[in-house]
PDB file of N, CA and C in Angstrom:
ATOM      1  N   UNK A   1     -13.212  -7.220   4.753  1.00  0.00           N
ATOM      2  CA  UNK A   1     -13.575  -6.436   5.901  1.00  0.00           C
ATOM      3  C   UNK A   1     -14.823  -7.057   6.516  1.00  0.00           C
ATOM      4  N   UNK A   2     -14.865  -7.173   7.816  1.00  0.00           N
ATOM      5  CA  UNK A   2     -16.045  -7.726   8.449  1.00  0.00           C
ATOM      6  C   UNK A   2     -17.030  -6.619   8.785  1.00  0.00           C
ATOM      7  N   UNK A   3     -18.136  -6.962   9.473  1.00  0.00           N
ATOM      8  CA  UNK A   3     -19.192  -5.990   9.746  1.00  0.00           C
ATOM      9  C   UNK A   3     -18.742  -4.865  10.668  1.00  0.00           C
ATOM     10  N   UNK A   4     -17.690  -5.059  11.413  1.00  0.00           N
ATOM     11  CA  UNK A   4     -17.190  -4.009  12.301  1.00  0.00           C
ATOM     12  C   UNK A   4     -16.140  -3.135  11.631  1.00  0.00           C
ATOM     13  N   UNK A   5     -15.844  -3.376  10.383  1.00  0.00           N
ATOM     14  CA  UNK A   5     -14.873  -2.573   9.665  1.00  0.00           C
ATOM     15  C   UNK A   5     -13.435  -2.958   9.947  1.00  0.00           C
ATOM     16  N   UNK A   6     -13.207  -4.183  10.431  1.00  0.00           N
ATOM     17  CA  UNK A   6     -11.846  -4.621  10.744  1.00  0.00           C
ATOM     18  C   UNK A   6     -11.352  -5.555   9.648  1.00  0.00           C
ATOM     19  N   UNK A   7     -10.096  -5.422   9.303  1.00  0.00           N
ATOM     20  CA  UNK A   7      -9.480  -6.304   8.313  1.00  0.00           C
ATOM     21  C   UNK A   7      -8.812  -7.473   9.024  1.00  0.00           C
ATOM     22  N   UNK A   8      -8.841  -8.640   8.387  1.00  0.00           N
ATOM     23  CA  UNK A   8      -8.215  -9.820   8.959  1.00  0.00           C
ATOM     24  C   UNK A   8      -7.288 -10.456   7.944  1.00  0.00           C
ATOM     25  N   UNK A   9      -6.278 -11.123   8.457  1.00  0.00           N
ATOM     26  CA  UNK A   9      -5.405 -11.908   7.601  1.00  0.00           C
ATOM     27  C   UNK A   9      -5.526 -13.364   8.034  1.00  0.00           C
ATOM     28  N   UNK A  10      -5.498 -14.270   7.079  1.00  0.00           N
ATOM     29  CA  UNK A  10      -5.661 -15.690   7.369  1.00  0.00           C
ATOM     30  C   UNK A  10      -4.287 -16.338   7.411  1.00  0.00           C
ATOM     31  N   UNK A  11      -4.005 -17.031   8.519  1.00  0.00           N
ATOM     32  CA  UNK A  11      -2.726 -17.710   8.686  1.00  0.00           C
ATOM     33  C   UNK A  11      -3.014 -19.183   8.949  1.00  0.00           C
ATOM     34  N   UNK A  12      -2.331 -20.059   8.232  1.00  0.00           N
ATOM     35  CA  UNK A  12      -2.476 -21.478   8.500  1.00  0.00           C
ATOM     36  C   UNK A  12      -2.892 -22.255   7.266  1.00  0.00           C
ATOM     37  N   UNK A  13      -3.074 -23.548   7.451  1.00  0.00           N
ATOM     38  CA  UNK A  13      -3.464 -24.416   6.347  1.00  0.00           C
ATOM     39  C   UNK A  13      -4.981 -24.410   6.205  1.00  0.00           C
ATOM     40  N   UNK A  14      -5.480 -25.115   5.198  1.00  0.00           N
ATOM     41  CA  UNK A  14      -6.923 -25.167   4.974  1.00  0.00           C
ATOM     42  C   UNK A  14      -7.649 -25.845   6.128  1.00  0.00           C
ATOM     43  N   UNK A  15      -7.003 -26.804   6.761  1.00  0.00           N
ATOM     44  CA  UNK A  15      -7.671 -27.535   7.833  1.00  0.00           C
ATOM     45  C   UNK A  15      -7.757 -26.726   9.126  1.00  0.00           C
ATOM     46  N   UNK A  16      -6.830 -25.805   9.345  1.00  0.00           N
ATOM     47  CA  UNK A  16      -6.840 -25.027  10.587  1.00  0.00           C
ATOM     48  C   UNK A  16      -6.460 -23.584  10.265  1.00  0.00           C
ATOM     49  N   UNK A  17      -7.422 -22.698  10.349  1.00  0.00           N
ATOM     50  CA  UNK A  17      -7.189 -21.300  10.019  1.00  0.00           C
ATOM     51  C   UNK A  17      -7.213 -20.452  11.283  1.00  0.00           C
ATOM     52  N   UNK A  18      -6.290 -19.545  11.380  1.00  0.00           N
ATOM     53  CA  UNK A  18      -6.267 -18.583  12.478  1.00  0.00           C
ATOM     54  C   UNK A  18      -6.528 -17.206  11.892  1.00  0.00           C
ATOM     55  N   UNK A  19      -7.492 -16.509  12.432  1.00  0.00           N
ATOM     56  CA  UNK A  19      -7.795 -15.161  11.956  1.00  0.00           C
ATOM     57  C   UNK A  19      -7.175 -14.163  12.911  1.00  0.00           C
ATOM     58  N   UNK A  20      -6.328 -13.294  12.371  1.00  0.00           N
ATOM     59  CA  UNK A  20      -5.674 -12.281  13.189  1.00  0.00           C
ATOM     60  C   UNK A  20      -5.949 -10.917  12.590  1.00  0.00           C
ATOM     61  N   UNK A  21      -6.344  -9.943  13.420  1.00  0.00           N
ATOM     62  CA  UNK A  21      -6.574  -8.604  12.886  1.00  0.00           C
ATOM     63  C   UNK A  21      -5.276  -7.996  12.374  1.00  0.00           C
ATOM     64  N   UNK A  22      -5.381  -7.259  11.263  1.00  0.00           N
ATOM     65  CA  UNK A  22      -4.220  -6.542  10.750  1.00  0.00           C
ATOM     66  C   UNK A  22      -3.920  -5.367  11.666  1.00  0.00           C
ATOM     67  N   UNK A  23      -2.721  -4.852  11.606  1.00  0.00           N
ATOM     68  CA  UNK A  23      -2.305  -3.775  12.503  1.00  0.00           C
ATOM     69  C   UNK A  23      -2.725  -2.406  11.979  1.00  0.00           C
ATOM     70  N   UNK A  24      -4.019  -2.236  11.748  1.00  0.00           N
ATOM     71  CA  UNK A  24      -4.543  -0.940  11.328  1.00  0.00           C
ATOM     72  C   UNK A  24      -5.499  -0.451  12.406  1.00  0.00           C
ATOM     73  N   UNK A  25      -5.250   0.717  12.901  1.00  0.00           N
ATOM     74  CA  UNK A  25      -6.140   1.297  13.894  1.00  0.00           C
ATOM     75  C   UNK A  25      -7.271   2.015  13.183  1.00  0.00           C
ATOM     76  N   UNK A  26      -8.481   1.896  13.704  1.00  0.00           N
ATOM     77  CA  UNK A  26      -9.614   2.603  13.113  1.00  0.00           C
ATOM     78  C   UNK A  26      -9.477   4.104  13.317  1.00  0.00           C
ATOM     79  N   UNK A  27      -8.714   4.505  14.324  1.00  0.00           N
ATOM     80  CA  UNK A  27      -8.567   5.918  14.637  1.00  0.00           C
ATOM     81  C   UNK A  27      -7.340   6.540  13.987  1.00  0.00           C
ATOM     82  N   UNK A  28      -6.649   5.801  13.142  1.00  0.00           N
ATOM     83  CA  UNK A  28      -5.442   6.352  12.530  1.00  0.00           C
ATOM     84  C   UNK A  28      -5.820   7.414  11.499  1.00  0.00           C
ATOM     85  N   UNK A  29      -4.996   8.435  11.421  1.00  0.00           N
ATOM     86  CA  UNK A  29      -5.257   9.536  10.496  1.00  0.00           C
ATOM     87  C   UNK A  29      -4.971   9.089   9.065  1.00  0.00           C
ATOM     88  N   UNK A  30      -5.776   9.560   8.118  1.00  0.00           N
ATOM     89  CA  UNK A  30      -5.506   9.208   6.721  1.00  0.00           C
ATOM     90  C   UNK A  30      -4.228   9.865   6.222  1.00  0.00           C
ATOM     91  N   UNK A  31      -3.653   9.280   5.205  1.00  0.00           N
ATOM     92  CA  UNK A  31      -2.432   9.827   4.619  1.00  0.00           C
ATOM     93  C   UNK A  31      -2.781  11.143   3.929  1.00  0.00           C
ATOM     94  N   UNK A  32      -2.045  12.205   4.218  1.00  0.00           N
ATOM     95  CA  UNK A  32      -2.346  13.494   3.578  1.00  0.00           C
ATOM     96  C   UNK A  32      -2.209  13.416   2.062  1.00  0.00           C
ATOM     97  N   UNK A  33      -3.038  14.179   1.380  1.00  0.00           N
ATOM     98  CA  UNK A  33      -3.014  14.186  -0.083  1.00  0.00           C
ATOM     99  C   UNK A  33      -1.657  14.652  -0.606  1.00  0.00           C
ATOM    100  N   UNK A  34      -0.988  15.533   0.145  1.00  0.00           N
ATOM    101  CA  UNK A  34       0.325  16.022  -0.284  1.00  0.00           C
ATOM    102  C   UNK A  34       1.335  14.880  -0.354  1.00  0.00           C
ATOM    103  N   UNK A  35       1.240  13.935   0.573  1.00  0.00           N
ATOM    104  CA  UNK A  35       2.154  12.789   0.561  1.00  0.00           C
ATOM    105  C   UNK A  35       1.928  11.934  -0.678  1.00  0.00           C
ATOM    106  N   UNK A  36       0.660  11.720  -1.021  1.00  0.00           N
ATOM    107  CA  UNK A  36       0.359  10.931  -2.216  1.00  0.00           C
ATOM    108  C   UNK A  36       0.831  11.651  -3.471  1.00  0.00           C
ATOM    109  N   UNK A  37       0.669  12.965  -3.495  1.00  0.00           N
ATOM    110  CA  UNK A  37       1.127  13.738  -4.648  1.00  0.00           C
ATOM    111  C   UNK A  37       2.641  13.664  -4.773  1.00  0.00           C
ATOM    112  N   UNK A  38       3.344  13.780  -3.650  1.00  0.00           N
ATOM    113  CA  UNK A  38       4.801  13.698  -3.668  1.00  0.00           C
ATOM    114  C   UNK A  38       5.261  12.328  -4.155  1.00  0.00           C
ATOM    115  N   UNK A  39       4.623  11.273  -3.667  1.00  0.00           N
ATOM    116  CA  UNK A  39       4.988   9.927  -4.108  1.00  0.00           C
ATOM    117  C   UNK A  39       4.731   9.743  -5.599  1.00  0.00           C
ATOM    118  N   UNK A  40       3.620  10.251  -6.082  1.00  0.00           N
ATOM    119  CA  UNK A  40       3.342  10.098  -7.512  1.00  0.00           C
ATOM    120  C   UNK A  40       4.315  10.919  -8.355  1.00  0.00           C
ATOM    121  N   UNK A  41       4.727  12.099  -7.867  1.00  0.00           N
ATOM    122  CA  UNK A  41       5.725  12.889  -8.592  1.00  0.00           C
ATOM    123  C   UNK A  41       7.080  12.188  -8.610  1.00  0.00           C
ATOM    124  N   UNK A  42       7.469  11.610  -7.478  1.00  0.00           N
ATOM    125  CA  UNK A  42       8.732  10.863  -7.429  1.00  0.00           C
ATOM    126  C   UNK A  42       8.689   9.666  -8.373  1.00  0.00           C
ATOM    127  N   UNK A  43       7.568   8.978  -8.371  1.00  0.00           N
ATOM    128  CA  UNK A  43       7.417   7.832  -9.262  1.00  0.00           C
ATOM    129  C   UNK A  43       7.563   8.257 -10.715  1.00  0.00           C
ATOM    130  N   UNK A  44       6.877   9.322 -11.076  1.00  0.00           N
ATOM    131  CA  UNK A  44       6.952   9.823 -12.449  1.00  0.00           C
ATOM    132  C   UNK A  44       8.377  10.232 -12.805  1.00  0.00           C
ATOM    133  N   UNK A  45       9.059  10.910 -11.886  1.00  0.00           N
ATOM    134  CA  UNK A  45      10.439  11.339 -12.130  1.00  0.00           C
ATOM    135  C   UNK A  45      11.341  10.143 -12.430  1.00  0.00           C
ATOM    136  N   UNK A  46      11.272   9.116 -11.579  1.00  0.00           N
ATOM    137  CA  UNK A  46      12.151   7.966 -11.777  1.00  0.00           C
ATOM    138  C   UNK A  46      11.818   7.205 -13.058  1.00  0.00           C
ATOM    139  N   UNK A  47      10.558   7.179 -13.434  1.00  0.00           N
ATOM    140  CA  UNK A  47      10.191   6.482 -14.666  1.00  0.00           C
ATOM    141  C   UNK A  47      10.656   7.265 -15.884  1.00  0.00           C
ATOM    142  N   UNK A  48      10.429   8.575 -15.880  1.00  0.00           N
ATOM    143  CA  UNK A  48      10.775   9.390 -17.047  1.00  0.00           C
ATOM    144  C   UNK A  48      12.283   9.564 -17.183  1.00  0.00           C
ATOM    145  N   UNK A  49      12.963   9.896 -16.082  1.00  0.00           N
ATOM    146  CA  UNK A  49      14.388  10.220 -16.144  1.00  0.00           C
ATOM    147  C   UNK A  49      15.266   8.972 -16.169  1.00  0.00           C
ATOM    148  N   UNK A  50      14.887   7.960 -15.415  1.00  0.00           N
ATOM    149  CA  UNK A  50      15.749   6.781 -15.267  1.00  0.00           C
ATOM    150  C   UNK A  50      15.081   5.499 -15.772  1.00  0.00           C
ATOM    151  N   UNK A  51      14.265   5.597 -16.782  1.00  0.00           N
ATOM    152  CA  UNK A  51      13.497   4.434 -17.232  1.00  0.00           C
ATOM    153  C   UNK A  51      14.366   3.330 -17.820  1.00  0.00           C
ATOM    154  N   UNK A  52      15.606   3.631 -18.147  1.00  0.00           N
ATOM    155  CA  UNK A  52      16.444   2.636 -18.816  1.00  0.00           C
ATOM    156  C   UNK A  52      17.056   1.617 -17.857  1.00  0.00           C
ATOM    157  N   UNK A  53      17.005   1.865 -16.568  1.00  0.00           N
ATOM    158  CA  UNK A  53      17.657   0.940 -15.634  1.00  0.00           C
ATOM    159  C   UNK A  53      16.646   0.036 -14.951  1.00  0.00           C
ATOM    160  N   UNK A  54      17.074  -1.142 -14.641  1.00  0.00           N
ATOM    161  CA  UNK A  54      16.211  -2.112 -13.985  1.00  0.00           C
ATOM    162  C   UNK A  54      15.861  -1.686 -12.565  1.00  0.00           C
ATOM    163  N   UNK A  55      16.807  -1.059 -11.870  1.00  0.00           N
ATOM    164  CA  UNK A  55      16.531  -0.626 -10.500  1.00  0.00           C
ATOM    165  C   UNK A  55      15.453   0.448 -10.472  1.00  0.00           C
ATOM    166  N   UNK A  56      15.413   1.291 -11.490  1.00  0.00           N
ATOM    167  CA  UNK A  56      14.368   2.308 -11.567  1.00  0.00           C
ATOM    168  C   UNK A  56      13.004   1.659 -11.773  1.00  0.00           C
ATOM    169  N   UNK A  57      12.981   0.609 -12.559  1.00  0.00           N
ATOM    170  CA  UNK A  57      11.734  -0.109 -12.759  1.00  0.00           C
ATOM    171  C   UNK A  57      11.258  -0.729 -11.446  1.00  0.00           C
ATOM    172  N   UNK A  58      12.184  -1.306 -10.689  1.00  0.00           N
ATOM    173  CA  UNK A  58      11.833  -1.884  -9.393  1.00  0.00           C
ATOM    174  C   UNK A  58      11.330  -0.799  -8.440  1.00  0.00           C
ATOM    175  N   UNK A  59      11.976   0.357  -8.456  1.00  0.00           N
ATOM    176  CA  UNK A  59      11.549   1.471  -7.613  1.00  0.00           C
ATOM    177  C   UNK A  59      10.173   1.960  -8.042  1.00  0.00           C
ATOM    178  N   UNK A  60       9.950   2.028  -9.334  1.00  0.00           N
ATOM    179  CA  UNK A  60       8.644   2.438  -9.854  1.00  0.00           C
ATOM    180  C   UNK A  60       7.546   1.496  -9.362  1.00  0.00           C
ATOM    181  N   UNK A  61       7.798   0.200  -9.432  1.00  0.00           N
ATOM    182  CA  UNK A  61       6.809  -0.782  -8.989  1.00  0.00           C
ATOM    183  C   UNK A  61       6.555  -0.641  -7.493  1.00  0.00           C
ATOM    184  N   UNK A  62       7.625  -0.478  -6.712  1.00  0.00           N
ATOM    185  CA  UNK A  62       7.473  -0.338  -5.263  1.00  0.00           C
ATOM    186  C   UNK A  62       6.697   0.927  -4.909  1.00  0.00           C
ATOM    187  N   UNK A  63       7.033   2.037  -5.544  1.00  0.00           N
ATOM    188  CA  UNK A  63       6.324   3.286  -5.263  1.00  0.00           C
ATOM    189  C   UNK A  63       4.873   3.215  -5.727  1.00  0.00           C
ATOM    190  N   UNK A  64       4.627   2.579  -6.854  1.00  0.00           N
ATOM    191  CA  UNK A  64       3.256   2.431  -7.344  1.00  0.00           C
ATOM    192  C   UNK A  64       2.418   1.625  -6.365  1.00  0.00           C
ATOM    193  N   UNK A  65       2.993   0.538  -5.851  1.00  0.00           N
ATOM    194  CA  UNK A  65       2.288  -0.275  -4.862  1.00  0.00           C
ATOM    195  C   UNK A  65       2.018   0.521  -3.595  1.00  0.00           C
ATOM    196  N   UNK A  66       2.989   1.318  -3.179  1.00  0.00           N
ATOM    197  CA  UNK A  66       2.823   2.142  -1.983  1.00  0.00           C
ATOM    198  C   UNK A  66       1.723   3.179  -2.186  1.00  0.00           C
ATOM    199  N   UNK A  67       1.708   3.813  -3.338  1.00  0.00           N
ATOM    200  CA  UNK A  67       0.662   4.799  -3.632  1.00  0.00           C
ATOM    201  C   UNK A  67      -0.705   4.126  -3.638  1.00  0.00           C
ATOM    202  N   UNK A  68      -0.788   2.961  -4.285  1.00  0.00           N
ATOM    203  CA  UNK A  68      -2.054   2.241  -4.329  1.00  0.00           C
ATOM    204  C   UNK A  68      -2.504   1.840  -2.931  1.00  0.00           C
ATOM    205  N   UNK A  69      -1.582   1.368  -2.105  1.00  0.00           N
ATOM    206  CA  UNK A  69      -1.925   0.950  -0.742  1.00  0.00           C
ATOM    207  C   UNK A  69      -2.392   2.134   0.093  1.00  0.00           C
ATOM    208  N   UNK A  70      -1.711   3.247  -0.017  1.00  0.00           N
ATOM    209  CA  UNK A  70      -2.118   4.447   0.727  1.00  0.00           C
ATOM    210  C   UNK A  70      -3.470   4.930   0.255  1.00  0.00           C
ATOM    211  N   UNK A  71      -3.711   4.868  -1.035  1.00  0.00           N
ATOM    212  CA  UNK A  71      -4.975   5.343  -1.588  1.00  0.00           C
ATOM    213  C   UNK A  71      -6.123   4.450  -1.130  1.00  0.00           C
ATOM    214  N   UNK A  72      -5.915   3.153  -1.085  1.00  0.00           N
ATOM    215  CA  UNK A  72      -6.952   2.217  -0.645  1.00  0.00           C
ATOM    216  C   UNK A  72      -7.239   2.404   0.837  1.00  0.00           C
ATOM    217  N   UNK A  73      -6.206   2.603   1.657  1.00  0.00           N
ATOM    218  CA  UNK A  73      -6.393   2.768   3.097  1.00  0.00           C
ATOM    219  C   UNK A  73      -7.157   4.028   3.448  1.00  0.00           C
ATOM    220  N   UNK A  74      -7.100   5.057   2.614  1.00  0.00           N
ATOM    221  CA  UNK A  74      -7.762   6.314   2.942  1.00  0.00           C
ATOM    222  C   UNK A  74      -9.209   6.349   2.497  1.00  0.00           C
ATOM    223  N   UNK A  75      -9.664   5.362   1.732  1.00  0.00           N
ATOM    224  CA  UNK A  75     -11.073   5.345   1.276  1.00  0.00           C
ATOM    225  C   UNK A  75     -11.983   4.864   2.373  1.00  0.00           C
TER     226      UNK A  75
END
């Protein structure tokens, strides 16, 4: 994050870098806590009930990443 609170992504090789702002608005509303709770409950359900399948593991990883991303964006 730079001094203005904007996030950037680096595109290009080491010799030529292009800095482009990520598509996050500073005025965007934070994710409601209820949404994070619902995602964590869904994640727990799929892990506990369907832990034996590989697709459930993939879903667990995807939901965990989503929860982590939402949690980081709201801080």
